[in-house]
Amino acid sequence: MLLHDYFRSSAAYRVRIALNLKGLAYDRHDVMLLENQQRSPEHLALNPQGFVPALEVDGKVLTQSLAIIDWLDARYPEPRLVPADSDARAEALAQALVIGADVHPLNNLRVLRKLKALGVDDAARDDWTRHWIAEGFEALEAMAGNGPFLGGEAPGIADVFLVPQMFNARRFDTPLDAYPKLVRADAAAQEIEAFAAAHPDRVAPK
């Protein structure tokens, strides 16, 4: 497996966590987003959206973090990240999508670059980022179970999405006191080597 990756990409971070949790060996190819390598002809041939992650496996290229993780769950079902039970599956995916569909897309690099091009200054862009993180975290805190993880006793898809977003929240100095369940789940995840090994500090280019 070859993961086309960027160390600070939330979406790529999710896939690194999932691969690690399933104990799968993979190589990484750094796609330097700040240098626009994601818009190179070579990368666009892999992912026409010009995003990371892209996972080359079994002669195919998989894109979109949720689709990649769903494929991994189907191909390598242990440990399961998306519950098989329909009710639990809907609950776990709803939690994950608070981040994946509603928070992260408003705060990714291309949006922040567009805001800058529109004349929004750095302080206002940081406020924008914190606003959408806080709005999503408020909802996710209300949706979270009694832990230690978002879905219960073991980490699942919601935790895989939460941990990278918590990293982003701290990067942008987002206050977290109002989200004790999220802080608890993040801390529990960081005690697991599969999560810790995927952290941007562990995979950043030297």
N, C-alpha and C. Protein backbone atom coordinates (compact mmCIF):
# COMPACT_ATOMS: atom_id res chain seq x y z
N MET A 1 0.84 -1.19 0.00
CA MET A 1 0.00 0.00 0.00
C MET A 1 0.88 1.24 0.00
N LEU A 2 0.46 2.22 -0.77
CA LEU A 2 1.17 3.51 -0.82
C LEU A 2 0.16 4.60 -0.53
N LEU A 3 0.42 5.34 0.54
CA LEU A 3 -0.46 6.44 0.93
C LEU A 3 0.14 7.75 0.50
N HIS A 4 -0.57 8.45 -0.37
CA HIS A 4 -0.19 9.81 -0.75
C HIS A 4 -0.77 10.73 0.33
N ASP A 5 0.11 11.42 1.02
CA ASP A 5 -0.16 11.91 2.36
C ASP A 5 0.39 13.32 2.51
N TYR A 6 -0.15 14.05 3.46
CA TYR A 6 0.48 15.29 3.93
C TYR A 6 0.35 15.28 5.44
N PHE A 7 1.42 15.56 6.14
CA PHE A 7 1.46 15.30 7.57
C PHE A 7 0.40 16.06 8.36
N ARG A 8 0.01 17.25 7.91
CA ARG A 8 -0.97 18.03 8.65
C ARG A 8 -2.37 17.97 8.04
N SER A 9 -2.57 17.19 7.02
CA SER A 9 -3.90 17.02 6.44
C SER A 9 -4.76 16.20 7.41
N SER A 10 -5.89 16.75 7.82
CA SER A 10 -6.80 16.01 8.70
C SER A 10 -7.27 14.72 8.05
N ALA A 11 -7.63 14.80 6.78
CA ALA A 11 -8.16 13.63 6.10
C ALA A 11 -7.11 12.53 5.98
N ALA A 12 -5.88 12.90 5.66
CA ALA A 12 -4.81 11.91 5.58
C ALA A 12 -4.48 11.34 6.96
N TYR A 13 -4.51 12.20 7.98
CA TYR A 13 -4.28 11.77 9.36
C TYR A 13 -5.28 10.68 9.74
N ARG A 14 -6.55 10.84 9.36
CA ARG A 14 -7.56 9.82 9.65
C ARG A 14 -7.16 8.47 9.05
N VAL A 15 -6.71 8.50 7.80
CA VAL A 15 -6.37 7.25 7.14
C VAL A 15 -5.13 6.62 7.78
N ARG A 16 -4.16 7.44 8.17
CA ARG A 16 -3.00 6.87 8.88
C ARG A 16 -3.45 6.16 10.15
N ILE A 17 -4.36 6.78 10.90
CA ILE A 17 -4.86 6.14 12.12
C ILE A 17 -5.52 4.81 11.80
N ALA A 18 -6.39 4.80 10.80
CA ALA A 18 -7.12 3.58 10.45
C ALA A 18 -6.17 2.47 10.02
N LEU A 19 -5.20 2.80 9.18
CA LEU A 19 -4.21 1.80 8.75
C LEU A 19 -3.45 1.25 9.95
N ASN A 20 -3.07 2.14 10.86
CA ASN A 20 -2.32 1.70 12.04
C ASN A 20 -3.17 0.82 12.94
N LEU A 21 -4.44 1.21 13.16
CA LEU A 21 -5.31 0.42 14.02
C LEU A 21 -5.47 -1.00 13.47
N LYS A 22 -5.49 -1.13 12.16
CA LYS A 22 -5.66 -2.44 11.55
C LYS A 22 -4.34 -3.19 11.36
N GLY A 23 -3.25 -2.55 11.78
CA GLY A 23 -1.95 -3.22 11.72
C GLY A 23 -1.44 -3.44 10.32
N LEU A 24 -1.80 -2.57 9.40
CA LEU A 24 -1.41 -2.74 8.00
C LEU A 24 -0.13 -1.97 7.69
N ALA A 25 0.76 -2.61 6.98
CA ALA A 25 1.99 -1.96 6.54
C ALA A 25 1.72 -1.11 5.31
N TYR A 26 2.30 0.06 5.28
CA TYR A 26 2.12 0.94 4.12
C TYR A 26 3.31 1.88 4.02
N ASP A 27 3.55 2.33 2.80
CA ASP A 27 4.55 3.36 2.56
C ASP A 27 3.84 4.69 2.39
N ARG A 28 4.58 5.76 2.63
CA ARG A 28 4.02 7.10 2.51
C ARG A 28 4.76 7.88 1.43
N HIS A 29 3.98 8.65 0.68
CA HIS A 29 4.56 9.61 -0.26
C HIS A 29 4.05 10.99 0.13
N ASP A 30 4.96 11.87 0.52
CA ASP A 30 4.57 13.21 0.95
C ASP A 30 4.16 14.06 -0.25
N VAL A 31 2.97 14.63 -0.16
CA VAL A 31 2.46 15.58 -1.15
C VAL A 31 2.40 16.92 -0.42
N MET A 32 3.30 17.82 -0.75
CA MET A 32 3.47 19.05 0.01
C MET A 32 2.43 20.08 -0.44
N LEU A 33 1.38 20.20 0.36
CA LEU A 33 0.25 21.05 -0.03
C LEU A 33 0.64 22.51 -0.13
N LEU A 34 1.49 22.99 0.76
CA LEU A 34 1.87 24.40 0.72
C LEU A 34 2.66 24.74 -0.53
N GLU A 35 3.23 23.71 -1.16
CA GLU A 35 3.96 23.90 -2.41
C GLU A 35 3.09 23.56 -3.62
N ASN A 36 1.82 23.28 -3.39
CA ASN A 36 0.85 22.98 -4.45
C ASN A 36 1.16 21.70 -5.23
N GLN A 37 1.87 20.78 -4.60
CA GLN A 37 2.15 19.53 -5.29
C GLN A 37 0.88 18.73 -5.58
N GLN A 38 -0.18 19.00 -4.83
CA GLN A 38 -1.45 18.31 -5.06
C GLN A 38 -2.09 18.70 -6.38
N ARG A 39 -1.62 19.79 -6.98
CA ARG A 39 -2.15 20.22 -8.27
C ARG A 39 -1.25 19.79 -9.42
N SER A 40 -0.24 19.00 -9.15
CA SER A 40 0.65 18.54 -10.22
C SER A 40 -0.10 17.55 -11.11
N PRO A 41 0.30 17.45 -12.38
CA PRO A 41 -0.35 16.47 -13.26
C PRO A 41 -0.27 15.05 -12.71
N GLU A 42 0.84 14.72 -12.07
CA GLU A 42 1.01 13.37 -11.54
C GLU A 42 -0.02 13.08 -10.45
N HIS A 43 -0.21 14.07 -9.55
CA HIS A 43 -1.17 13.82 -8.47
C HIS A 43 -2.61 13.88 -8.98
N LEU A 44 -2.90 14.79 -9.89
CA LEU A 44 -4.25 14.87 -10.43
C LEU A 44 -4.64 13.60 -11.18
N ALA A 45 -3.65 12.90 -11.72
CA ALA A 45 -3.94 11.62 -12.37
C ALA A 45 -4.40 10.58 -11.35
N LEU A 46 -3.94 10.73 -10.10
CA LEU A 46 -4.36 9.83 -9.03
C LEU A 46 -5.69 10.27 -8.42
N ASN A 47 -5.80 11.56 -8.18
CA ASN A 47 -6.99 12.11 -7.55
C ASN A 47 -7.39 13.38 -8.29
N PRO A 48 -8.38 13.32 -9.14
CA PRO A 48 -8.76 14.49 -9.94
C PRO A 48 -9.18 15.71 -9.11
N GLN A 49 -9.54 15.50 -7.83
CA GLN A 49 -9.86 16.64 -6.98
C GLN A 49 -8.61 17.40 -6.54
N GLY A 50 -7.45 16.77 -6.65
CA GLY A 50 -6.24 17.40 -6.17
C GLY A 50 -6.17 17.43 -4.66
N PHE A 51 -6.65 16.39 -4.00
CA PHE A 51 -6.65 16.29 -2.55
C PHE A 51 -5.74 15.16 -2.10
N VAL A 52 -5.43 15.16 -0.82
CA VAL A 52 -4.93 13.98 -0.13
C VAL A 52 -5.98 13.64 0.92
N PRO A 53 -6.06 12.35 1.26
CA PRO A 53 -5.20 11.24 0.89
C PRO A 53 -5.64 10.59 -0.43
N ALA A 54 -4.70 9.83 -0.97
CA ALA A 54 -5.00 8.87 -2.02
C ALA A 54 -4.24 7.61 -1.66
N LEU A 55 -4.92 6.48 -1.67
CA LEU A 55 -4.30 5.22 -1.28
C LEU A 55 -4.22 4.31 -2.50
N GLU A 56 -3.00 3.98 -2.91
CA GLU A 56 -2.80 3.00 -3.98
C GLU A 56 -2.72 1.62 -3.37
N VAL A 57 -3.62 0.74 -3.79
CA VAL A 57 -3.67 -0.61 -3.23
C VAL A 57 -4.34 -1.54 -4.24
N ASP A 58 -3.75 -2.71 -4.40
CA ASP A 58 -4.34 -3.74 -5.28
C ASP A 58 -4.61 -3.23 -6.68
N GLY A 59 -3.73 -2.37 -7.19
CA GLY A 59 -3.86 -1.88 -8.55
C GLY A 59 -4.91 -0.82 -8.75
N LYS A 60 -5.44 -0.28 -7.65
CA LYS A 60 -6.45 0.78 -7.75
C LYS A 60 -6.03 1.95 -6.89
N VAL A 61 -6.69 3.07 -7.06
CA VAL A 61 -6.45 4.26 -6.24
C VAL A 61 -7.75 4.62 -5.54
N LEU A 62 -7.70 4.67 -4.22
CA LEU A 62 -8.85 5.04 -3.41
C LEU A 62 -8.67 6.48 -2.93
N THR A 63 -9.76 7.23 -2.94
CA THR A 63 -9.71 8.62 -2.47
C THR A 63 -10.87 8.84 -1.49
N GLN A 64 -10.85 10.01 -0.85
CA GLN A 64 -11.81 10.41 0.18
C GLN A 64 -11.63 9.54 1.43
N SER A 65 -11.30 10.18 2.54
CA SER A 65 -10.92 9.45 3.74
C SER A 65 -12.01 8.49 4.22
N LEU A 66 -13.26 8.92 4.21
CA LEU A 66 -14.32 8.03 4.69
C LEU A 66 -14.47 6.82 3.78
N ALA A 67 -14.37 7.02 2.47
CA ALA A 67 -14.45 5.90 1.54
C ALA A 67 -13.28 4.94 1.72
N ILE A 68 -12.09 5.49 1.96
CA ILE A 68 -10.92 4.63 2.18
C ILE A 68 -11.10 3.81 3.44
N ILE A 69 -11.55 4.45 4.52
CA ILE A 69 -11.71 3.73 5.79
C ILE A 69 -12.82 2.69 5.68
N ASP A 70 -13.88 3.01 4.96
CA ASP A 70 -14.95 2.03 4.74
C ASP A 70 -14.42 0.83 3.96
N TRP A 71 -13.59 1.07 2.96
CA TRP A 71 -12.98 -0.02 2.18
C TRP A 71 -12.08 -0.87 3.09
N LEU A 72 -11.28 -0.20 3.92
CA LEU A 72 -10.41 -0.93 4.84
C LEU A 72 -11.24 -1.79 5.79
N ASP A 73 -12.36 -1.25 6.27
CA ASP A 73 -13.21 -2.01 7.19
C ASP A 73 -13.79 -3.24 6.51
N ALA A 74 -14.14 -3.10 5.23
CA ALA A 74 -14.69 -4.24 4.50
C ALA A 74 -13.62 -5.29 4.21
N ARG A 75 -12.43 -4.83 3.86
CA ARG A 75 -11.35 -5.75 3.48
C ARG A 75 -10.63 -6.33 4.71
N TYR A 76 -10.47 -5.52 5.73
CA TYR A 76 -9.73 -5.93 6.94
C TYR A 76 -10.62 -5.61 8.15
N PRO A 77 -11.58 -6.46 8.46
CA PRO A 77 -12.64 -6.08 9.40
C PRO A 77 -12.24 -5.98 10.87
N GLU A 78 -11.04 -6.37 11.22
CA GLU A 78 -10.66 -6.29 12.63
C GLU A 78 -9.49 -5.33 12.82
N PRO A 79 -9.58 -4.45 13.80
CA PRO A 79 -10.76 -4.12 14.59
C PRO A 79 -11.75 -3.31 13.75
N ARG A 80 -13.00 -3.55 13.97
CA ARG A 80 -14.02 -2.86 13.18
C ARG A 80 -14.13 -1.41 13.62
N LEU A 81 -14.17 -0.49 12.67
CA LEU A 81 -14.25 0.93 12.96
C LEU A 81 -15.66 1.48 12.77
N VAL A 82 -16.40 0.94 11.80
CA VAL A 82 -17.80 1.32 11.58
C VAL A 82 -18.66 0.14 12.04
N PRO A 83 -19.53 0.33 13.01
CA PRO A 83 -20.30 -0.80 13.54
C PRO A 83 -21.14 -1.49 12.47
N ALA A 84 -21.33 -2.79 12.65
CA ALA A 84 -22.18 -3.54 11.72
C ALA A 84 -23.65 -3.31 12.01
N ASP A 85 -24.02 -3.16 13.28
CA ASP A 85 -25.41 -2.91 13.66
C ASP A 85 -25.89 -1.61 13.04
N SER A 86 -27.06 -1.63 12.44
CA SER A 86 -27.52 -0.47 11.67
C SER A 86 -27.71 0.77 12.53
N ASP A 87 -28.24 0.61 13.74
CA ASP A 87 -28.44 1.77 14.60
C ASP A 87 -27.11 2.35 15.06
N ALA A 88 -26.21 1.48 15.48
CA ALA A 88 -24.90 1.93 15.94
C ALA A 88 -24.09 2.53 14.78
N ARG A 89 -24.26 1.95 13.59
CA ARG A 89 -23.57 2.48 12.41
C ARG A 89 -24.02 3.90 12.11
N ALA A 90 -25.33 4.12 12.13
CA ALA A 90 -25.85 5.46 11.86
C ALA A 90 -25.35 6.46 12.89
N GLU A 91 -25.32 6.07 14.15
CA GLU A 91 -24.85 6.97 15.21
C GLU A 91 -23.38 7.30 15.04
N ALA A 92 -22.56 6.29 14.75
CA ALA A 92 -21.12 6.51 14.60
C ALA A 92 -20.81 7.38 13.39
N LEU A 93 -21.49 7.12 12.27
CA LEU A 93 -21.25 7.92 11.07
C LEU A 93 -21.73 9.35 11.25
N ALA A 94 -22.84 9.53 11.96
CA ALA A 94 -23.31 10.89 12.21
C ALA A 94 -22.27 11.68 13.01
N GLN A 95 -21.68 11.05 14.02
CA GLN A 95 -20.64 11.72 14.80
C GLN A 95 -19.45 12.06 13.92
N ALA A 96 -19.00 11.09 13.12
CA ALA A 96 -17.84 11.33 12.26
C ALA A 96 -18.11 12.44 11.26
N LEU A 97 -19.32 12.49 10.74
CA LEU A 97 -19.64 13.46 9.69
C LEU A 97 -19.85 14.87 10.22
N VAL A 98 -20.11 15.02 11.52
CA VAL A 98 -20.09 16.37 12.09
C VAL A 98 -18.75 17.03 11.75
N ILE A 99 -17.68 16.25 11.86
CA ILE A 99 -16.35 16.76 11.54
C ILE A 99 -16.09 16.68 10.05
N GLY A 100 -16.30 15.49 9.48
CA GLY A 100 -15.89 15.27 8.10
C GLY A 100 -16.69 16.05 7.07
N ALA A 101 -17.97 16.33 7.36
CA ALA A 101 -18.81 17.02 6.39
C ALA A 101 -19.08 18.47 6.75
N ASP A 102 -19.05 18.80 8.05
CA ASP A 102 -19.51 20.13 8.46
C ASP A 102 -18.42 21.04 9.01
N VAL A 103 -17.41 20.49 9.68
CA VAL A 103 -16.35 21.33 10.26
C VAL A 103 -15.16 21.44 9.32
N HIS A 104 -14.58 20.31 9.01
CA HIS A 104 -13.32 20.30 8.25
C HIS A 104 -13.42 20.99 6.89
N PRO A 105 -14.48 20.76 6.10
CA PRO A 105 -14.50 21.40 4.78
C PRO A 105 -14.45 22.93 4.82
N LEU A 106 -14.94 23.53 5.89
CA LEU A 106 -14.92 24.99 5.99
C LEU A 106 -13.57 25.54 6.42
N ASN A 107 -12.68 24.66 6.87
CA ASN A 107 -11.41 25.11 7.43
C ASN A 107 -10.20 24.53 6.72
N ASN A 108 -10.41 23.89 5.57
CA ASN A 108 -9.24 23.31 4.93
C ASN A 108 -8.45 24.36 4.15
N LEU A 109 -7.33 23.95 3.63
CA LEU A 109 -6.38 24.89 3.05
C LEU A 109 -6.98 25.70 1.91
N ARG A 110 -7.74 25.07 1.03
CA ARG A 110 -8.24 25.81 -0.13
C ARG A 110 -9.24 26.88 0.29
N VAL A 111 -10.03 26.62 1.34
CA VAL A 111 -10.97 27.63 1.83
C VAL A 111 -10.21 28.79 2.47
N LEU A 112 -9.21 28.47 3.30
CA LEU A 112 -8.44 29.54 3.94
C LEU A 112 -7.70 30.38 2.90
N ARG A 113 -7.22 29.73 1.85
CA ARG A 113 -6.55 30.48 0.77
C ARG A 113 -7.55 31.39 0.04
N LYS A 114 -8.76 30.90 -0.15
CA LYS A 114 -9.78 31.72 -0.83
C LYS A 114 -10.16 32.92 0.04
N LEU A 115 -10.28 32.71 1.34
CA LEU A 115 -10.57 33.83 2.24
C LEU A 115 -9.46 34.88 2.16
N LYS A 116 -8.21 34.43 2.11
CA LYS A 116 -7.10 35.37 1.99
C LYS A 116 -7.18 36.13 0.68
N ALA A 117 -7.50 35.42 -0.40
CA ALA A 117 -7.61 36.08 -1.70
C ALA A 117 -8.73 37.11 -1.72
N LEU A 118 -9.73 36.91 -0.88
CA LEU A 118 -10.84 37.86 -0.79
C LEU A 118 -10.52 39.04 0.13
N GLY A 119 -9.31 39.03 0.69
CA GLY A 119 -8.90 40.14 1.53
C GLY A 119 -9.12 39.96 3.01
N VAL A 120 -9.49 38.76 3.43
CA VAL A 120 -9.69 38.49 4.86
C VAL A 120 -8.32 38.34 5.51
N ASP A 121 -8.07 39.09 6.58
CA ASP A 121 -6.75 39.05 7.20
C ASP A 121 -6.57 37.81 8.07
N ASP A 122 -5.33 37.58 8.51
CA ASP A 122 -5.00 36.35 9.23
C ASP A 122 -5.82 36.20 10.50
N ALA A 123 -5.99 37.28 11.26
CA ALA A 123 -6.73 37.20 12.51
C ALA A 123 -8.18 36.81 12.26
N ALA A 124 -8.78 37.37 11.23
CA ALA A 124 -10.17 37.04 10.92
C ALA A 124 -10.30 35.61 10.41
N ARG A 125 -9.32 35.15 9.66
CA ARG A 125 -9.36 33.76 9.19
C ARG A 125 -9.23 32.79 10.36
N ASP A 126 -8.38 33.12 11.33
CA ASP A 126 -8.26 32.27 12.52
C ASP A 126 -9.57 32.26 13.30
N ASP A 127 -10.23 33.41 13.40
CA ASP A 127 -11.54 33.47 14.06
C ASP A 127 -12.55 32.60 13.33
N TRP A 128 -12.52 32.65 12.00
CA TRP A 128 -13.38 31.81 11.17
C TRP A 128 -13.17 30.33 11.51
N THR A 129 -11.91 29.92 11.56
CA THR A 129 -11.59 28.53 11.85
C THR A 129 -12.12 28.13 13.23
N ARG A 130 -11.84 28.94 14.23
CA ARG A 130 -12.29 28.63 15.58
C ARG A 130 -13.81 28.58 15.68
N HIS A 131 -14.49 29.47 14.96
CA HIS A 131 -15.95 29.50 15.00
C HIS A 131 -16.54 28.17 14.55
N TRP A 132 -16.07 27.66 13.41
CA TRP A 132 -16.67 26.43 12.87
C TRP A 132 -16.26 25.21 13.69
N ILE A 133 -15.04 25.22 14.23
CA ILE A 133 -14.65 24.12 15.12
C ILE A 133 -15.56 24.11 16.34
N ALA A 134 -15.75 25.29 16.96
CA ALA A 134 -16.57 25.37 18.17
C ALA A 134 -18.01 24.95 17.90
N GLU A 135 -18.55 25.36 16.76
CA GLU A 135 -19.94 24.99 16.45
C GLU A 135 -20.07 23.48 16.30
N GLY A 136 -19.12 22.86 15.61
CA GLY A 136 -19.16 21.41 15.46
C GLY A 136 -18.91 20.69 16.77
N PHE A 137 -17.94 21.16 17.54
CA PHE A 137 -17.62 20.50 18.81
C PHE A 137 -18.78 20.59 19.79
N GLU A 138 -19.51 21.69 19.79
CA GLU A 138 -20.66 21.81 20.68
C GLU A 138 -21.68 20.71 20.39
N ALA A 139 -21.96 20.50 19.12
CA ALA A 139 -22.89 19.43 18.74
C ALA A 139 -22.32 18.06 19.07
N LEU A 140 -21.05 17.85 18.75
CA LEU A 140 -20.46 16.53 18.97
C LEU A 140 -20.37 16.20 20.45
N GLU A 141 -20.12 17.19 21.28
CA GLU A 141 -20.11 16.97 22.73
C GLU A 141 -21.47 16.46 23.19
N ALA A 142 -22.55 17.04 22.65
CA ALA A 142 -23.89 16.60 23.02
C ALA A 142 -24.20 15.20 22.50
N MET A 143 -23.56 14.79 21.41
CA MET A 143 -23.81 13.49 20.81
C MET A 143 -22.96 12.39 21.42
N ALA A 144 -21.90 12.76 22.13
CA ALA A 144 -20.93 11.78 22.63
C ALA A 144 -21.53 10.92 23.74
N GLY A 145 -21.08 9.67 23.78
CA GLY A 145 -21.50 8.78 24.85
C GLY A 145 -20.68 9.01 26.12
N ASN A 146 -20.74 8.04 27.01
CA ASN A 146 -20.07 8.18 28.31
C ASN A 146 -18.65 7.63 28.32
N GLY A 147 -18.17 7.28 27.15
CA GLY A 147 -16.74 7.01 26.98
C GLY A 147 -16.29 5.65 27.44
N PRO A 148 -14.95 5.54 27.44
CA PRO A 148 -13.98 6.63 27.29
C PRO A 148 -13.87 7.21 25.88
N PHE A 149 -14.34 6.46 24.88
CA PHE A 149 -14.29 6.96 23.50
C PHE A 149 -15.67 7.49 23.11
N LEU A 150 -15.75 8.13 21.96
CA LEU A 150 -17.02 8.72 21.55
C LEU A 150 -18.12 7.67 21.41
N GLY A 151 -17.75 6.49 20.94
CA GLY A 151 -18.74 5.46 20.73
C GLY A 151 -18.81 4.41 21.83
N GLY A 152 -18.00 4.55 22.88
CA GLY A 152 -18.05 3.57 23.94
C GLY A 152 -16.68 3.14 24.43
N GLU A 153 -16.51 1.83 24.58
CA GLU A 153 -15.32 1.30 25.23
C GLU A 153 -14.11 1.18 24.30
N ALA A 154 -14.33 1.17 23.00
CA ALA A 154 -13.24 1.01 22.04
C ALA A 154 -13.29 2.13 21.01
N PRO A 155 -12.15 2.52 20.46
CA PRO A 155 -12.17 3.59 19.46
C PRO A 155 -12.84 3.12 18.18
N GLY A 156 -13.54 4.06 17.54
CA GLY A 156 -14.21 3.76 16.28
C GLY A 156 -14.06 4.90 15.31
N ILE A 157 -14.89 4.89 14.30
CA ILE A 157 -14.78 5.86 13.22
C ILE A 157 -14.88 7.30 13.74
N ALA A 158 -15.74 7.55 14.72
CA ALA A 158 -15.88 8.92 15.23
C ALA A 158 -14.60 9.40 15.88
N ASP A 159 -13.91 8.52 16.60
CA ASP A 159 -12.64 8.89 17.23
C ASP A 159 -11.55 9.11 16.18
N VAL A 160 -11.59 8.32 15.12
CA VAL A 160 -10.62 8.49 14.02
C VAL A 160 -10.77 9.88 13.40
N PHE A 161 -11.99 10.38 13.33
CA PHE A 161 -12.23 11.72 12.81
C PHE A 161 -11.96 12.80 13.87
N LEU A 162 -12.25 12.50 15.12
CA LEU A 162 -12.08 13.50 16.18
C LEU A 162 -10.63 13.89 16.39
N VAL A 163 -9.75 12.91 16.49
CA VAL A 163 -8.37 13.19 16.89
C VAL A 163 -7.68 14.20 15.97
N PRO A 164 -7.74 14.05 14.65
CA PRO A 164 -7.13 15.09 13.81
C PRO A 164 -7.76 16.47 13.98
N GLN A 165 -9.08 16.49 14.23
CA GLN A 165 -9.72 17.80 14.41
C GLN A 165 -9.33 18.43 15.74
N MET A 166 -9.07 17.63 16.75
CA MET A 166 -8.56 18.16 18.01
C MET A 166 -7.16 18.74 17.81
N PHE A 167 -6.36 18.11 16.99
CA PHE A 167 -5.04 18.65 16.66
C PHE A 167 -5.19 20.02 16.01
N ASN A 168 -6.12 20.13 15.07
CA ASN A 168 -6.36 21.43 14.42
C ASN A 168 -6.88 22.46 15.41
N ALA A 169 -7.77 22.04 16.28
CA ALA A 169 -8.32 22.97 17.26
C ALA A 169 -7.21 23.58 18.12
N ARG A 170 -6.28 22.77 18.52
CA ARG A 170 -5.18 23.27 19.34
C ARG A 170 -4.24 24.14 18.51
N ARG A 171 -4.04 23.81 17.26
CA ARG A 171 -3.20 24.65 16.39
C ARG A 171 -3.74 26.07 16.31
N PHE A 172 -5.07 26.18 16.33
CA PHE A 172 -5.70 27.49 16.19
C PHE A 172 -6.18 28.06 17.53
N ASP A 173 -5.64 27.49 18.63
CA ASP A 173 -5.94 28.01 19.97
C ASP A 173 -7.43 28.07 20.26
N THR A 174 -8.14 27.02 19.86
CA THR A 174 -9.57 26.93 20.14
C THR A 174 -9.77 26.52 21.60
N PRO A 175 -10.51 27.27 22.39
CA PRO A 175 -10.78 26.86 23.78
C PRO A 175 -11.53 25.53 23.80
N LEU A 176 -11.11 24.63 24.69
CA LEU A 176 -11.69 23.28 24.72
C LEU A 176 -12.38 22.95 26.04
N ASP A 177 -12.43 23.88 26.97
CA ASP A 177 -13.00 23.59 28.28
C ASP A 177 -14.45 23.15 28.21
N ALA A 178 -15.17 23.60 27.22
CA ALA A 178 -16.60 23.28 27.11
C ALA A 178 -16.85 21.88 26.55
N TYR A 179 -15.79 21.14 26.22
CA TYR A 179 -15.96 19.85 25.54
C TYR A 179 -15.23 18.73 26.30
N PRO A 180 -15.58 18.48 27.56
CA PRO A 180 -14.83 17.48 28.34
C PRO A 180 -14.90 16.07 27.76
N LYS A 181 -16.01 15.70 27.14
CA LYS A 181 -16.09 14.36 26.56
C LYS A 181 -15.15 14.22 25.36
N LEU A 182 -15.05 15.28 24.57
CA LEU A 182 -14.14 15.23 23.42
C LEU A 182 -12.69 15.20 23.88
N VAL A 183 -12.37 16.01 24.88
CA VAL A 183 -11.00 16.02 25.42
C VAL A 183 -10.66 14.65 25.98
N ARG A 184 -11.61 14.04 26.69
CA ARG A 184 -11.39 12.71 27.27
C ARG A 184 -11.15 11.67 26.18
N ALA A 185 -11.98 11.69 25.14
CA ALA A 185 -11.83 10.71 24.07
C ALA A 185 -10.50 10.89 23.34
N ASP A 186 -10.12 12.13 23.11
CA ASP A 186 -8.84 12.41 22.46
C ASP A 186 -7.68 11.90 23.30
N ALA A 187 -7.74 12.16 24.61
CA ALA A 187 -6.67 11.70 25.49
C ALA A 187 -6.60 10.18 25.52
N ALA A 188 -7.75 9.51 25.56
CA ALA A 188 -7.75 8.05 25.55
C ALA A 188 -7.15 7.51 24.27
N ALA A 189 -7.48 8.15 23.15
CA ALA A 189 -6.93 7.71 21.87
C ALA A 189 -5.43 7.88 21.82
N GLN A 190 -4.92 8.98 22.35
CA GLN A 190 -3.49 9.24 22.28
C GLN A 190 -2.67 8.23 23.09
N GLU A 191 -3.34 7.49 23.98
CA GLU A 191 -2.65 6.44 24.73
C GLU A 191 -2.44 5.19 23.89
N ILE A 192 -3.07 5.14 22.73
CA ILE A 192 -2.97 3.98 21.83
C ILE A 192 -1.93 4.29 20.77
N GLU A 193 -0.97 3.41 20.60
CA GLU A 193 0.15 3.69 19.70
C GLU A 193 -0.30 3.91 18.27
N ALA A 194 -1.36 3.26 17.84
CA ALA A 194 -1.85 3.45 16.47
C ALA A 194 -2.24 4.90 16.22
N PHE A 195 -2.81 5.55 17.20
CA PHE A 195 -3.13 6.97 17.08
C PHE A 195 -1.87 7.82 17.22
N ALA A 196 -1.08 7.52 18.23
CA ALA A 196 0.12 8.33 18.49
C ALA A 196 1.09 8.30 17.31
N ALA A 197 1.23 7.14 16.67
CA ALA A 197 2.16 7.00 15.55
C ALA A 197 1.70 7.77 14.32
N ALA A 198 0.41 8.08 14.24
CA ALA A 198 -0.12 8.82 13.09
C ALA A 198 -0.04 10.32 13.29
N HIS A 199 0.34 10.78 14.47
CA HIS A 199 0.38 12.21 14.78
C HIS A 199 1.29 12.95 13.81
N PRO A 200 0.90 14.15 13.39
CA PRO A 200 1.75 14.90 12.46
C PRO A 200 3.18 15.08 12.92
N ASP A 201 3.42 15.21 14.21
CA ASP A 201 4.78 15.36 14.70
C ASP A 201 5.63 14.13 14.45
N ARG A 202 4.98 12.97 14.35
CA ARG A 202 5.71 11.71 14.14
C ARG A 202 6.00 11.45 12.67
N VAL A 203 5.24 12.08 11.77
CA VAL A 203 5.40 11.75 10.35
C VAL A 203 5.85 12.97 9.52
N ALA A 204 6.06 14.09 10.17
CA ALA A 204 6.45 15.30 9.43
C ALA A 204 7.78 15.08 8.71
N PRO A 205 7.91 15.60 7.50
CA PRO A 205 9.19 15.50 6.78
C PRO A 205 10.32 16.12 7.61
N LYS A 206 11.44 15.46 7.59
CA LYS A 206 12.58 15.94 8.38
C LYS A 206 13.36 16.98 7.59
